[in-house]
Amino acid sequence: MKKILLLLVIFVTALSACKKDKEEKFDAAAQAVADDAAIQTYISANNINATKDASGVYYQVLTAGTGTYPTSTSTVSVNYSGKLLNGTVFDSGSLNNYSLSGLIKGWQYGVPHINKGGRILLLIPSGLGYGNNAQGSIPANSVLVFTIDLIGFQ
């Protein structure tokens, strides 16, 4: 019985050590460089005239809106579509009166570049999206591409 218990403890310890090693091997800086290269390739291949903001989000204002700009803490109403760089759509829909601060960082940095009635294309590096974690049908370390219509905000 003691041998079985000892083997079980060794097995559990070995598994937890493997998980830590895997987590420690992730290099966020290298991933950011890879994401930026992938975004630039996508921009070039699709003839997109995008601007990179200080956060690392690339954006293209597709339709200018009017009035003031929202902030990263505004409550927004939007229609959106999200896809991966390979064109796979992972989500689309509407958010009504939703706090921008409760969404991924890429939205918090990107949506304030348009005003009410505007449409924007966001290219979000994985570190400002879901990072090194898979999220539903979105693989870990995925660059996200969103088209967002800003219906209104408060």
Protein backbone atom coordinates (compact mmCIF):
# COMPACT_ATOMS: atom_id res chain seq x y z
CA MET A 1 0.00 0.00 0.00
CA LYS A 2 2.83 2.39 0.87
CA LYS A 3 4.49 1.66 -2.49
CA ILE A 4 1.31 2.54 -4.37
CA LEU A 5 0.90 5.76 -2.41
CA LEU A 6 4.56 6.67 -3.01
CA LEU A 7 4.22 5.99 -6.74
CA LEU A 8 1.07 8.12 -6.86
CA VAL A 9 2.83 11.03 -5.13
CA ILE A 10 5.80 10.77 -7.52
CA PHE A 11 3.47 10.64 -10.53
CA VAL A 12 1.48 13.72 -9.43
CA THR A 13 4.67 15.63 -8.65
CA ALA A 14 6.13 14.78 -12.06
CA LEU A 15 2.97 15.94 -13.84
CA SER A 16 2.87 19.24 -12.00
CA ALA A 17 6.55 19.84 -12.74
CA CYS A 18 5.92 19.25 -16.46
CA LYS A 19 3.16 21.83 -16.44
CA LYS A 20 5.40 24.40 -14.77
CA ASP A 21 8.19 23.73 -17.28
CA LYS A 22 5.78 24.22 -20.17
CA GLU A 23 4.49 27.51 -18.70
CA GLU A 24 8.00 28.79 -18.03
CA LYS A 25 9.07 28.12 -21.62
CA PHE A 26 6.52 30.55 -23.09
CA ASP A 27 8.32 33.64 -24.31
CA ALA A 28 5.89 36.58 -24.50
CA ALA A 29 8.43 38.86 -26.19
CA ALA A 30 9.11 36.32 -28.94
CA GLN A 31 5.37 35.82 -29.39
CA ALA A 32 4.86 39.58 -29.73
CA VAL A 33 7.51 39.70 -32.48
CA ALA A 34 5.88 36.74 -34.27
CA ASP A 35 2.43 38.35 -33.98
CA ASP A 36 3.69 41.65 -35.38
CA ALA A 37 5.29 39.88 -38.35
CA ALA A 38 2.08 37.92 -39.01
CA ILE A 39 0.00 41.11 -38.83
CA GLN A 40 2.32 42.93 -41.24
CA THR A 41 2.14 40.00 -43.67
CA TYR A 42 -1.68 40.03 -43.44
CA ILE A 43 -1.79 43.79 -44.00
CA SER A 44 0.41 43.50 -47.06
CA ALA A 45 -1.45 40.51 -48.53
CA ASN A 46 -4.82 42.22 -48.09
CA ASN A 47 -3.80 45.77 -49.13
CA ILE A 48 -4.85 47.21 -45.78
CA ASN A 49 -3.79 50.74 -44.88
CA ALA A 50 -3.44 50.23 -41.13
CA THR A 51 -1.87 52.30 -38.39
CA LYS A 52 -0.11 50.78 -35.39
CA ASP A 53 -0.92 52.51 -32.11
CA ALA A 54 1.35 52.61 -29.07
CA SER A 55 -0.24 49.49 -27.57
CA GLY A 56 0.63 47.35 -30.60
CA VAL A 57 -2.91 47.19 -32.01
CA TYR A 58 -3.15 47.88 -35.73
CA TYR A 59 -6.27 49.65 -36.91
CA GLN A 60 -7.89 51.04 -40.02
CA VAL A 61 -10.81 53.43 -39.80
CA LEU A 62 -13.19 52.15 -42.48
CA THR A 63 -15.97 54.68 -41.91
CA ALA A 64 -15.51 57.89 -39.99
CA GLY A 65 -18.16 58.55 -37.40
CA THR A 66 -19.09 61.85 -35.83
CA GLY A 67 -18.76 63.50 -32.45
CA THR A 68 -16.46 62.63 -29.60
CA TYR A 69 -14.48 59.45 -29.10
CA PRO A 70 -15.18 56.81 -26.46
CA THR A 71 -12.61 55.98 -23.80
CA SER A 72 -11.38 52.57 -22.66
CA THR A 73 -13.93 52.74 -19.84
CA SER A 74 -16.94 53.81 -21.93
CA THR A 75 -20.10 51.73 -22.15
CA VAL A 76 -20.52 50.84 -25.83
CA SER A 77 -23.09 49.44 -28.22
CA VAL A 78 -21.51 47.70 -31.22
CA ASN A 79 -22.00 45.23 -34.02
CA TYR A 80 -18.89 43.15 -34.64
CA SER A 81 -17.34 40.23 -36.45
CA GLY A 82 -14.19 38.43 -35.30
CA LYS A 83 -11.95 36.12 -37.26
CA LEU A 84 -8.47 34.64 -37.26
CA LEU A 85 -5.77 35.60 -39.77
CA ASN A 86 -6.62 32.49 -41.80
CA GLY A 87 -10.16 33.81 -42.31
CA THR A 88 -11.91 31.50 -39.84
CA VAL A 89 -14.80 33.44 -38.27
CA PHE A 90 -15.02 32.67 -34.56
CA ASP A 91 -17.73 35.12 -33.50
CA SER A 92 -20.08 37.86 -34.62
CA GLY A 93 -22.96 39.69 -33.07
CA SER A 94 -23.94 42.74 -31.08
CA LEU A 95 -23.11 44.12 -27.67
CA ASN A 96 -25.51 46.64 -26.17
CA ASN A 97 -24.45 48.94 -23.33
CA TYR A 98 -21.38 46.84 -22.56
CA SER A 99 -18.44 48.22 -20.62
CA LEU A 100 -15.38 48.38 -22.83
CA SER A 101 -13.24 47.79 -19.74
CA GLY A 102 -14.74 44.27 -19.50
CA LEU A 103 -13.50 43.30 -22.96
CA ILE A 104 -10.08 42.26 -24.22
CA LYS A 105 -7.32 44.87 -24.12
CA GLY A 106 -7.21 45.07 -27.91
CA TRP A 107 -10.77 46.43 -27.93
CA GLN A 108 -9.99 48.84 -25.09
CA TYR A 109 -7.10 50.27 -27.13
CA GLY A 110 -8.73 50.04 -30.56
CA VAL A 111 -12.36 51.14 -30.21
CA PRO A 112 -11.41 54.64 -28.94
CA HIS A 113 -10.01 55.35 -32.44
CA ILE A 114 -13.54 55.78 -33.85
CA ASN A 115 -16.54 57.85 -32.95
CA LYS A 116 -20.27 57.13 -33.01
CA GLY A 117 -21.38 55.72 -36.36
CA GLY A 118 -17.83 54.69 -37.27
CA ARG A 119 -16.50 51.36 -38.46
CA ILE A 120 -13.01 50.11 -37.66
CA LEU A 121 -10.84 47.14 -38.52
CA LEU A 122 -8.68 45.97 -35.61
CA LEU A 123 -5.73 43.61 -35.88
CA ILE A 124 -5.00 42.54 -32.33
CA PRO A 125 -1.79 40.76 -31.29
CA SER A 126 -2.36 37.71 -29.13
CA GLY A 127 -0.99 39.43 -26.02
CA LEU A 128 -3.84 41.95 -26.20
CA GLY A 129 -6.38 39.24 -27.00
CA TYR A 130 -6.48 35.89 -25.22
CA GLY A 131 -2.72 35.45 -24.97
CA ASN A 132 -1.26 32.04 -24.41
CA ASN A 133 -4.68 30.54 -23.62
CA ALA A 134 -7.09 28.92 -26.04
CA GLN A 135 -10.58 30.41 -25.81
CA GLY A 136 -13.32 28.23 -27.29
CA SER A 137 -12.50 27.85 -31.00
CA ILE A 138 -9.67 30.40 -30.76
CA PRO A 139 -6.27 28.71 -30.46
CA ALA A 140 -3.68 30.00 -27.99
CA ASN A 141 -1.44 32.81 -29.31
CA SER A 142 -3.90 33.85 -32.02
CA VAL A 143 -3.89 37.24 -33.69
CA LEU A 144 -7.49 38.47 -33.82
CA VAL A 145 -9.13 40.46 -36.63
CA PHE A 146 -12.26 42.41 -35.72
CA THR A 147 -14.54 44.62 -37.77
CA ILE A 148 -16.51 46.79 -35.35
CA ASP A 149 -19.37 49.23 -35.95
CA LEU A 150 -19.70 51.67 -33.06
CA ILE A 151 -23.45 52.27 -32.73
CA GLY A 152 -23.14 54.45 -29.65
CA PHE A 153 -21.47 54.91 -26.28
CA GLN A 154 -21.79 56.59 -22.89
